[in-house]
Amino acid sequence: MSVKNNKTIAEKTATLQELVAWFDGDNFTLEKALEKFSEAEKLAAEIEHDLLSLKNDIEVVKARFDEV
């Protein structure tokens, strides 16, 4: 079951930064590393998708202004 994530790009980026910081923290364990890496990889893909979508929206708006 897929749940729509309504976090902003800024919120997702902050979460990704926290995940990356975990690897340098005192709580790092090899057992959790794969889980954390997978979570970070998924989040990075979501951020990339959101940014591409936003870029497309900006290009559409820009095209409308160029027509005027």
PDB file of N, CA and C in Angstrom:
ATOM      1  N   MET A   1       0.843  -1.165   0.000  1.00  0.00           N
ATOM      2  CA  MET A   1       0.000   0.000   0.000  1.00  0.00           C
ATOM      3  C   MET A   1       0.890   1.230   0.000  1.00  0.00           C
ATOM      4  N   SER A   2       0.626   2.145  -0.911  1.00  0.00           N
ATOM      5  CA  SER A   2       1.428   3.354  -1.046  1.00  0.00           C
ATOM      6  C   SER A   2       0.726   4.515  -0.349  1.00  0.00           C
ATOM      7  N   VAL A   3       1.488   5.243   0.455  1.00  0.00           N
ATOM      8  CA  VAL A   3       0.949   6.399   1.152  1.00  0.00           C
ATOM      9  C   VAL A   3       1.619   7.635   0.576  1.00  0.00           C
ATOM     10  N   LYS A   4       0.820   8.637   0.208  1.00  0.00           N
ATOM     11  CA  LYS A   4       1.360   9.874  -0.363  1.00  0.00           C
ATOM     12  C   LYS A   4       2.078  10.648   0.724  1.00  0.00           C
ATOM     13  N   ASN A   5       3.328  11.028   0.439  1.00  0.00           N
ATOM     14  CA  ASN A   5       4.121  11.799   1.382  1.00  0.00           C
ATOM     15  C   ASN A   5       3.925  13.273   1.080  1.00  0.00           C
ATOM     16  N   ASN A   6       3.375  14.027   2.026  1.00  0.00           N
ATOM     17  CA  ASN A   6       3.056  15.423   1.804  1.00  0.00           C
ATOM     18  C   ASN A   6       4.101  16.369   2.380  1.00  0.00           C
ATOM     19  N   LYS A   7       5.273  15.878   2.682  1.00  0.00           N
ATOM     20  CA  LYS A   7       6.320  16.740   3.204  1.00  0.00           C
ATOM     21  C   LYS A   7       6.847  17.630   2.089  1.00  0.00           C
ATOM     22  N   THR A   8       7.305  18.821   2.464  1.00  0.00           N
ATOM     23  CA  THR A   8       7.907  19.720   1.488  1.00  0.00           C
ATOM     24  C   THR A   8       9.310  19.242   1.136  1.00  0.00           C
ATOM     25  N   ILE A   9       9.849  19.812   0.079  1.00  0.00           N
ATOM     26  CA  ILE A   9      11.218  19.475  -0.312  1.00  0.00           C
ATOM     27  C   ILE A   9      12.176  19.831   0.816  1.00  0.00           C
ATOM     28  N   ALA A  10      11.958  20.962   1.460  1.00  0.00           N
ATOM     29  CA  ALA A  10      12.827  21.390   2.567  1.00  0.00           C
ATOM     30  C   ALA A  10      12.769  20.393   3.730  1.00  0.00           C
ATOM     31  N   GLU A  11      11.582  19.909   4.051  1.00  0.00           N
ATOM     32  CA  GLU A  11      11.435  18.928   5.129  1.00  0.00           C
ATOM     33  C   GLU A  11      12.120  17.610   4.772  1.00  0.00           C
ATOM     34  N   LYS A  12      11.959  17.187   3.521  1.00  0.00           N
ATOM     35  CA  LYS A  12      12.604  15.950   3.081  1.00  0.00           C
ATOM     36  C   LYS A  12      14.126  16.094   3.099  1.00  0.00           C
ATOM     37  N   THR A  13      14.610  17.257   2.680  1.00  0.00           N
ATOM     38  CA  THR A  13      16.053  17.501   2.687  1.00  0.00           C
ATOM     39  C   THR A  13      16.595  17.488   4.104  1.00  0.00           C
ATOM     40  N   ALA A  14      15.859  18.077   5.047  1.00  0.00           N
ATOM     41  CA  ALA A  14      16.288  18.065   6.453  1.00  0.00           C
ATOM     42  C   ALA A  14      16.337  16.633   6.981  1.00  0.00           C
ATOM     43  N   THR A  15      15.350  15.838   6.646  1.00  0.00           N
ATOM     44  CA  THR A  15      15.336  14.435   7.065  1.00  0.00           C
ATOM     45  C   THR A  15      16.517  13.673   6.457  1.00  0.00           C
ATOM     46  N   LEU A  16      16.792  13.939   5.194  1.00  0.00           N
ATOM     47  CA  LEU A  16      17.933  13.296   4.534  1.00  0.00           C
ATOM     48  C   LEU A  16      19.241  13.692   5.212  1.00  0.00           C
ATOM     49  N   GLN A  17      19.373  14.950   5.578  1.00  0.00           N
ATOM     50  CA  GLN A  17      20.575  15.407   6.279  1.00  0.00           C
ATOM     51  C   GLN A  17      20.729  14.696   7.626  1.00  0.00           C
ATOM     52  N   GLU A  18      19.622  14.478   8.316  1.00  0.00           N
ATOM     53  CA  GLU A  18      19.661  13.751   9.590  1.00  0.00           C
ATOM     54  C   GLU A  18      20.116  12.305   9.370  1.00  0.00           C
ATOM     55  N   LEU A  19      19.603  11.687   8.306  1.00  0.00           N
ATOM     56  CA  LEU A  19      19.999  10.308   8.000  1.00  0.00           C
ATOM     57  C   LEU A  19      21.492  10.227   7.681  1.00  0.00           C
ATOM     58  N   VAL A  20      21.981  11.166   6.897  1.00  0.00           N
ATOM     59  CA  VAL A  20      23.401  11.176   6.548  1.00  0.00           C
ATOM     60  C   VAL A  20      24.251  11.415   7.791  1.00  0.00           C
ATOM     61  N   ALA A  21      23.815  12.305   8.667  1.00  0.00           N
ATOM     62  CA  ALA A  21      24.551  12.598   9.900  1.00  0.00           C
ATOM     63  C   ALA A  21      24.618  11.368  10.803  1.00  0.00           C
ATOM     64  N   TRP A  22      23.601  10.510  10.742  1.00  0.00           N
ATOM     65  CA  TRP A  22      23.586   9.300  11.562  1.00  0.00           C
ATOM     66  C   TRP A  22      24.829   8.456  11.305  1.00  0.00           C
ATOM     67  N   PHE A  23      25.293   8.406  10.061  1.00  0.00           N
ATOM     68  CA  PHE A  23      26.458   7.590   9.714  1.00  0.00           C
ATOM     69  C   PHE A  23      27.731   8.071  10.415  1.00  0.00           C
ATOM     70  N   ASP A  24      27.781   9.347  10.776  1.00  0.00           N
ATOM     71  CA  ASP A  24      28.937   9.889  11.498  1.00  0.00           C
ATOM     72  C   ASP A  24      28.715   9.922  13.006  1.00  0.00           C
ATOM     73  N   GLY A  25      27.531   9.550  13.447  1.00  0.00           N
ATOM     74  CA  GLY A  25      27.186   9.652  14.862  1.00  0.00           C
ATOM     75  C   GLY A  25      27.638   8.470  15.693  1.00  0.00           C
ATOM     76  N   ASP A  26      27.407   8.607  16.983  1.00  0.00           N
ATOM     77  CA  ASP A  26      27.786   7.576  17.950  1.00  0.00           C
ATOM     78  C   ASP A  26      26.880   6.348  17.893  1.00  0.00           C
ATOM     79  N   ASN A  27      25.698   6.484  17.313  1.00  0.00           N
ATOM     80  CA  ASN A  27      24.739   5.376  17.265  1.00  0.00           C
ATOM     81  C   ASN A  27      24.915   4.476  16.048  1.00  0.00           C
ATOM     82  N   PHE A  28      25.942   4.730  15.238  1.00  0.00           N
ATOM     83  CA  PHE A  28      26.168   3.940  14.030  1.00  0.00           C
ATOM     84  C   PHE A  28      26.433   2.481  14.372  1.00  0.00           C
ATOM     85  N   THR A  29      25.714   1.599  13.688  1.00  0.00           N
ATOM     86  CA  THR A  29      25.982   0.157  13.760  1.00  0.00           C
ATOM     87  C   THR A  29      25.859  -0.403  12.353  1.00  0.00           C
ATOM     88  N   LEU A  30      26.669  -1.391  12.058  1.00  0.00           N
ATOM     89  CA  LEU A  30      26.600  -2.011  10.734  1.00  0.00           C
ATOM     90  C   LEU A  30      25.239  -2.661  10.499  1.00  0.00           C
ATOM     91  N   GLU A  31      24.644  -3.181  11.551  1.00  0.00           N
ATOM     92  CA  GLU A  31      23.351  -3.842  11.425  1.00  0.00           C
ATOM     93  C   GLU A  31      22.267  -2.876  10.945  1.00  0.00           C
ATOM     94  N   LYS A  32      22.315  -1.622  11.367  1.00  0.00           N
ATOM     95  CA  LYS A  32      21.307  -0.630  10.980  1.00  0.00           C
ATOM     96  C   LYS A  32      21.708   0.144   9.730  1.00  0.00           C
ATOM     97  N   ALA A  33      22.981   0.048   9.326  1.00  0.00           N
ATOM     98  CA  ALA A  33      23.491   0.865   8.227  1.00  0.00           C
ATOM     99  C   ALA A  33      22.736   0.613   6.919  1.00  0.00           C
ATOM    100  N   LEU A  34      22.474  -0.638   6.586  1.00  0.00           N
ATOM    101  CA  LEU A  34      21.775  -0.944   5.348  1.00  0.00           C
ATOM    102  C   LEU A  34      20.363  -0.366   5.356  1.00  0.00           C
ATOM    103  N   GLU A  35      19.687  -0.502   6.481  1.00  0.00           N
ATOM    104  CA  GLU A  35      18.335   0.050   6.617  1.00  0.00           C
ATOM    105  C   GLU A  35      18.356   1.570   6.441  1.00  0.00           C
ATOM    106  N   LYS A  36      19.279   2.236   7.117  1.00  0.00           N
ATOM    107  CA  LYS A  36      19.380   3.699   7.027  1.00  0.00           C
ATOM    108  C   LYS A  36      19.763   4.132   5.616  1.00  0.00           C
ATOM    109  N   PHE A  37      20.678   3.389   4.982  1.00  0.00           N
ATOM    110  CA  PHE A  37      21.093   3.721   3.627  1.00  0.00           C
ATOM    111  C   PHE A  37      19.922   3.595   2.662  1.00  0.00           C
ATOM    112  N   SER A  38      19.155   2.532   2.787  1.00  0.00           N
ATOM    113  CA  SER A  38      17.988   2.329   1.919  1.00  0.00           C
ATOM    114  C   SER A  38      16.967   3.443   2.109  1.00  0.00           C
ATOM    115  N   GLU A  39      16.757   3.829   3.349  1.00  0.00           N
ATOM    116  CA  GLU A  39      15.828   4.919   3.643  1.00  0.00           C
ATOM    117  C   GLU A  39      16.325   6.223   3.020  1.00  0.00           C
ATOM    118  N   ALA A  40      17.613   6.501   3.149  1.00  0.00           N
ATOM    119  CA  ALA A  40      18.192   7.723   2.582  1.00  0.00           C
ATOM    120  C   ALA A  40      18.123   7.694   1.056  1.00  0.00           C
ATOM    121  N   GLU A  41      18.394   6.548   0.466  1.00  0.00           N
ATOM    122  CA  GLU A  41      18.346   6.420  -0.992  1.00  0.00           C
ATOM    123  C   GLU A  41      16.933   6.677  -1.520  1.00  0.00           C
ATOM    124  N   LYS A  42      15.933   6.130  -0.850  1.00  0.00           N
ATOM    125  CA  LYS A  42      14.539   6.338  -1.242  1.00  0.00           C
ATOM    126  C   LYS A  42      14.157   7.807  -1.111  1.00  0.00           C
ATOM    127  N   LEU A  43      14.563   8.420  -0.018  1.00  0.00           N
ATOM    128  CA  LEU A  43      14.252   9.824   0.215  1.00  0.00           C
ATOM    129  C   LEU A  43      14.931  10.718  -0.820  1.00  0.00           C
ATOM    130  N   ALA A  44      16.167  10.414  -1.162  1.00  0.00           N
ATOM    131  CA  ALA A  44      16.888  11.184  -2.180  1.00  0.00           C
ATOM    132  C   ALA A  44      16.168  11.077  -3.533  1.00  0.00           C
ATOM    133  N   ALA A  45      15.654   9.913  -3.856  1.00  0.00           N
ATOM    134  CA  ALA A  45      14.911   9.733  -5.102  1.00  0.00           C
ATOM    135  C   ALA A  45      13.619  10.547  -5.095  1.00  0.00           C
ATOM    136  N   GLU A  46      12.943  10.592  -3.941  1.00  0.00           N
ATOM    137  CA  GLU A  46      11.729  11.403  -3.818  1.00  0.00           C
ATOM    138  C   GLU A  46      12.044  12.879  -4.013  1.00  0.00           C
ATOM    139  N   ILE A  47      13.132  13.338  -3.407  1.00  0.00           N
ATOM    140  CA  ILE A  47      13.535  14.737  -3.537  1.00  0.00           C
ATOM    141  C   ILE A  47      13.841  15.054  -4.997  1.00  0.00           C
ATOM    142  N   GLU A  48      14.578  14.161  -5.656  1.00  0.00           N
ATOM    143  CA  GLU A  48      14.901  14.373  -7.072  1.00  0.00           C
ATOM    144  C   GLU A  48      13.623  14.453  -7.912  1.00  0.00           C
ATOM    145  N   HIS A  49      12.682  13.570  -7.649  1.00  0.00           N
ATOM    146  CA  HIS A  49      11.408  13.581  -8.374  1.00  0.00           C
ATOM    147  C   HIS A  49      10.665  14.889  -8.125  1.00  0.00           C
ATOM    148  N   ASP A  50      10.601  15.327  -6.879  1.00  0.00           N
ATOM    149  CA  ASP A  50       9.927  16.578  -6.535  1.00  0.00           C
ATOM    150  C   ASP A  50      10.571  17.769  -7.237  1.00  0.00           C
ATOM    151  N   LEU A  51      11.894  17.789  -7.269  1.00  0.00           N
ATOM    152  CA  LEU A  51      12.605  18.890  -7.914  1.00  0.00           C
ATOM    153  C   LEU A  51      12.363  18.904  -9.425  1.00  0.00           C
ATOM    154  N   LEU A  52      12.358  17.742 -10.043  1.00  0.00           N
ATOM    155  CA  LEU A  52      12.077  17.669 -11.479  1.00  0.00           C
ATOM    156  C   LEU A  52      10.651  18.125 -11.792  1.00  0.00           C
ATOM    157  N   SER A  53       9.720  17.749 -10.927  1.00  0.00           N
ATOM    158  CA  SER A  53       8.338  18.177 -11.096  1.00  0.00           C
ATOM    159  C   SER A  53       8.221  19.691 -10.960  1.00  0.00           C
ATOM    160  N   LEU A  54       8.906  20.229  -9.970  1.00  0.00           N
ATOM    161  CA  LEU A  54       8.897  21.677  -9.763  1.00  0.00           C
ATOM    162  C   LEU A  54       9.530  22.394 -10.952  1.00  0.00           C
ATOM    163  N   LYS A  55      10.625  21.851 -11.472  1.00  0.00           N
ATOM    164  CA  LYS A  55      11.284  22.428 -12.639  1.00  0.00           C
ATOM    165  C   LYS A  55      10.325  22.451 -13.823  1.00  0.00           C
ATOM    166  N   ASN A  56       9.597  21.365 -14.034  1.00  0.00           N
ATOM    167  CA  ASN A  56       8.628  21.301 -15.129  1.00  0.00           C
ATOM    168  C   ASN A  56       7.542  22.354 -14.954  1.00  0.00           C
ATOM    169  N   ASP A  57       7.044  22.515 -13.733  1.00  0.00           N
ATOM    170  CA  ASP A  57       6.024  23.520 -13.459  1.00  0.00           C
ATOM    171  C   ASP A  57       6.557  24.918 -13.770  1.00  0.00           C
ATOM    172  N   ILE A  58       7.786  25.189 -13.387  1.00  0.00           N
ATOM    173  CA  ILE A  58       8.393  26.497 -13.639  1.00  0.00           C
ATOM    174  C   ILE A  58       8.534  26.733 -15.142  1.00  0.00           C
ATOM    175  N   GLU A  59       8.932  25.716 -15.868  1.00  0.00           N
ATOM    176  CA  GLU A  59       9.071  25.851 -17.325  1.00  0.00           C
ATOM    177  C   GLU A  59       7.733  26.126 -17.991  1.00  0.00           C
ATOM    178  N   VAL A  60       6.660  25.516 -17.496  1.00  0.00           N
ATOM    179  CA  VAL A  60       5.322  25.760 -18.045  1.00  0.00           C
ATOM    180  C   VAL A  60       4.919  27.208 -17.788  1.00  0.00           C
ATOM    181  N   VAL A  61       5.128  27.683 -16.568  1.00  0.00           N
ATOM    182  CA  VAL A  61       4.772  29.069 -16.231  1.00  0.00           C
ATOM    183  C   VAL A  61       5.606  30.034 -17.070  1.00  0.00           C
ATOM    184  N   LYS A  62       6.892  29.755 -17.211  1.00  0.00           N
ATOM    185  CA  LYS A  62       7.773  30.605 -18.000  1.00  0.00           C
ATOM    186  C   LYS A  62       7.319  30.652 -19.447  1.00  0.00           C
ATOM    187  N   ALA A  63       6.911  29.523 -19.995  1.00  0.00           N
ATOM    188  CA  ALA A  63       6.433  29.474 -21.370  1.00  0.00           C
ATOM    189  C   ALA A  63       5.185  30.336 -21.545  1.00  0.00           C
ATOM    190  N   ARG A  64       4.318  30.323 -20.550  1.00  0.00           N
ATOM    191  CA  ARG A  64       3.112  31.165 -20.618  1.00  0.00           C
ATOM    192  C   ARG A  64       3.478  32.634 -20.660  1.00  0.00           C
ATOM    193  N   PHE A  65       4.449  33.040 -19.847  1.00  0.00           N
ATOM    194  CA  PHE A  65       4.882  34.432 -19.822  1.00  0.00           C
ATOM    195  C   PHE A  65       5.570  34.819 -21.123  1.00  0.00           C
ATOM    196  N   ASP A  66       6.302  33.879 -21.720  1.00  0.00           N
ATOM    197  CA  ASP A  66       6.986  34.157 -22.981  1.00  0.00           C
ATOM    198  C   ASP A  66       6.004  34.372 -24.129  1.00  0.00           C
ATOM    199  N   GLU A  67       4.827  33.747 -24.015  1.00  0.00           N
ATOM    200  CA  GLU A  67       3.802  33.888 -25.046  1.00  0.00           C
ATOM    201  C   GLU A  67       3.159  35.262 -25.020  1.00  0.00           C
ATOM    202  N   VAL A  68       3.138  35.891 -23.867  1.00  0.00           N
ATOM    203  CA  VAL A  68       2.444  37.179 -23.719  1.00  0.00           C
ATOM    204  C   VAL A  68       3.204  38.299 -24.302  1.00  0.00           C
TER     205      VAL A  68
END
